Amino acid sequence: MLIQVIRSDNQYDYIQDYILDSLIETKKIVKFKRSTGWVTIGTHQTRAHKREGAARNSDRIVVNDDVFVREYRRANS
């Protein structure tokens, strides 16, 4: 799917949806268009921003295995 973006040099462009996160993280775009309107990077919530917060939380348990979760909690209580 193509997404309309405004690059950091203020040029309008269309990109493939799978490279959106990369362009946000490398600050190569300043805005992209959702169905609800334009999203300004740094002002509005974006997928890359959400993932950053989750990655910084080192206590998050990613593995959904009951035994592992119980052992992890027991070891860290």
C-alpha atoms as a PDB file:
ATOM      1  CA  MET A   1       0.000   0.000   0.000  1.00  0.00           C
ATOM      2  CA  LEU A   2       1.285   3.461  -0.834  1.00  0.00           C
ATOM      3  CA  ILE A   3       1.411   6.170   1.821  1.00  0.00           C
ATOM      4  CA  GLN A   4       1.715   9.856   1.057  1.00  0.00           C
ATOM      5  CA  VAL A   5       4.579  11.519   2.950  1.00  0.00           C
ATOM      6  CA  ILE A   6       6.336  14.851   3.207  1.00  0.00           C
ATOM      7  CA  ARG A   7      10.093  14.385   3.223  1.00  0.00           C
ATOM      8  CA  SER A   8      12.453  16.437   5.381  1.00  0.00           C
ATOM      9  CA  ASP A   9      13.227  18.598   2.303  1.00  0.00           C
ATOM     10  CA  ASN A  10       9.461  19.449   2.096  1.00  0.00           C
ATOM     11  CA  GLN A  11       8.906  17.343  -1.035  1.00  0.00           C
ATOM     12  CA  TYR A  12       5.718  15.266  -1.299  1.00  0.00           C
ATOM     13  CA  ASP A  13       6.221  11.591  -2.129  1.00  0.00           C
ATOM     14  CA  TYR A  14       4.553   8.188  -1.984  1.00  0.00           C
ATOM     15  CA  ILE A  15       6.247   5.280  -0.214  1.00  0.00           C
ATOM     16  CA  GLN A  16       5.485   1.624   0.423  1.00  0.00           C
ATOM     17  CA  ASP A  17       3.926   1.097   3.860  1.00  0.00           C
ATOM     18  CA  TYR A  18       6.626  -1.355   4.967  1.00  0.00           C
ATOM     19  CA  ILE A  19       9.357   1.330   4.909  1.00  0.00           C
ATOM     20  CA  LEU A  20       7.396   3.916   6.925  1.00  0.00           C
ATOM     21  CA  ASP A  21       8.945   2.958  10.292  1.00  0.00           C
ATOM     22  CA  SER A  22      12.457   3.145   8.872  1.00  0.00           C
ATOM     23  CA  LEU A  23      11.890   6.602   7.408  1.00  0.00           C
ATOM     24  CA  ILE A  24      10.406   7.831  10.697  1.00  0.00           C
ATOM     25  CA  GLU A  25      13.336   6.489  12.726  1.00  0.00           C
ATOM     26  CA  THR A  26      15.930   8.014  10.375  1.00  0.00           C
ATOM     27  CA  LYS A  27      14.015  11.332  10.315  1.00  0.00           C
ATOM     28  CA  LYS A  28      13.764  11.331   6.530  1.00  0.00           C
ATOM     29  CA  ILE A  29      10.090  12.300   6.663  1.00  0.00           C
ATOM     30  CA  VAL A  30       8.325  14.966   8.696  1.00  0.00           C
ATOM     31  CA  LYS A  31       4.699  13.965   8.001  1.00  0.00           C
ATOM     32  CA  PHE A  32       2.681  11.084   6.621  1.00  0.00           C
ATOM     33  CA  LYS A  33      -0.979  10.803   5.751  1.00  0.00           C
ATOM     34  CA  ARG A  34      -3.387   8.472   7.546  1.00  0.00           C
ATOM     35  CA  SER A  35      -7.009   8.002   6.615  1.00  0.00           C
ATOM     36  CA  THR A  36      -7.824  10.445   9.445  1.00  0.00           C
ATOM     37  CA  GLY A  37      -5.420  13.136   8.195  1.00  0.00           C
ATOM     38  CA  TRP A  38      -1.786  14.196   8.338  1.00  0.00           C
ATOM     39  CA  VAL A  39       0.456  12.951  11.152  1.00  0.00           C
ATOM     40  CA  THR A  40       3.377  15.156  12.198  1.00  0.00           C
ATOM     41  CA  ILE A  41       6.422  13.214  13.394  1.00  0.00           C
ATOM     42  CA  GLY A  42       7.331  14.240  16.937  1.00  0.00           C
ATOM     43  CA  THR A  43       3.889  15.712  17.623  1.00  0.00           C
ATOM     44  CA  HIS A  44       1.518  12.799  17.049  1.00  0.00           C
ATOM     45  CA  GLN A  45       1.836   9.206  18.265  1.00  0.00           C
ATOM     46  CA  THR A  46       3.424   6.878  15.688  1.00  0.00           C
ATOM     47  CA  ARG A  47       4.132   3.159  15.529  1.00  0.00           C
ATOM     48  CA  ALA A  48       7.891   3.666  15.815  1.00  0.00           C
ATOM     49  CA  HIS A  49       7.416   5.784  18.933  1.00  0.00           C
ATOM     50  CA  LYS A  50       5.249   3.109  20.574  1.00  0.00           C
ATOM     51  CA  ARG A  51       7.774   0.386  19.822  1.00  0.00           C
ATOM     52  CA  GLU A  52      10.641   2.486  21.253  1.00  0.00           C
ATOM     53  CA  GLY A  53       8.872   2.753  24.588  1.00  0.00           C
ATOM     54  CA  ALA A  54       8.254  -0.968  24.708  1.00  0.00           C
ATOM     55  CA  ALA A  55      11.869  -1.767  23.851  1.00  0.00           C
ATOM     56  CA  ARG A  56      13.159   0.432  26.683  1.00  0.00           C
ATOM     57  CA  ASN A  57      11.098  -1.421  29.270  1.00  0.00           C
ATOM     58  CA  SER A  58      13.516  -4.219  30.137  1.00  0.00           C
ATOM     59  CA  ASP A  59      11.038  -5.856  32.550  1.00  0.00           C
ATOM     60  CA  ARG A  60       8.650  -6.735  29.744  1.00  0.00           C
ATOM     61  CA  ILE A  61       8.128 -10.421  29.180  1.00  0.00           C
ATOM     62  CA  VAL A  62       7.886 -11.188  25.491  1.00  0.00           C
ATOM     63  CA  VAL A  63       7.682 -14.968  25.677  1.00  0.00           C
ATOM     64  CA  ASN A  64       4.143 -16.183  26.290  1.00  0.00           C
ATOM     65  CA  ASP A  65       5.050 -19.402  28.103  1.00  0.00           C
ATOM     66  CA  ASP A  66       3.428 -19.906  31.509  1.00  0.00           C
ATOM     67  CA  VAL A  67       6.370 -21.828  32.976  1.00  0.00           C
ATOM     68  CA  PHE A  68       8.876 -19.227  31.828  1.00  0.00           C
ATOM     69  CA  VAL A  69       6.709 -16.387  33.169  1.00  0.00           C
ATOM     70  CA  ARG A  70       6.299 -18.037  36.575  1.00  0.00           C
ATOM     71  CA  GLU A  71      10.041 -18.736  36.862  1.00  0.00           C
ATOM     72  CA  TYR A  72      10.915 -15.189  35.759  1.00  0.00           C
ATOM     73  CA  ARG A  73       8.566 -13.630  38.307  1.00  0.00           C
ATOM     74  CA  ARG A  74       9.766 -15.952  41.072  1.00  0.00           C
ATOM     75  CA  ALA A  75      13.415 -15.142  40.348  1.00  0.00           C
ATOM     76  CA  ASN A  76      12.787 -11.385  40.239  1.00  0.00           C
ATOM     77  CA  SER A  77      10.522 -10.962  43.256  1.00  0.00           C
END
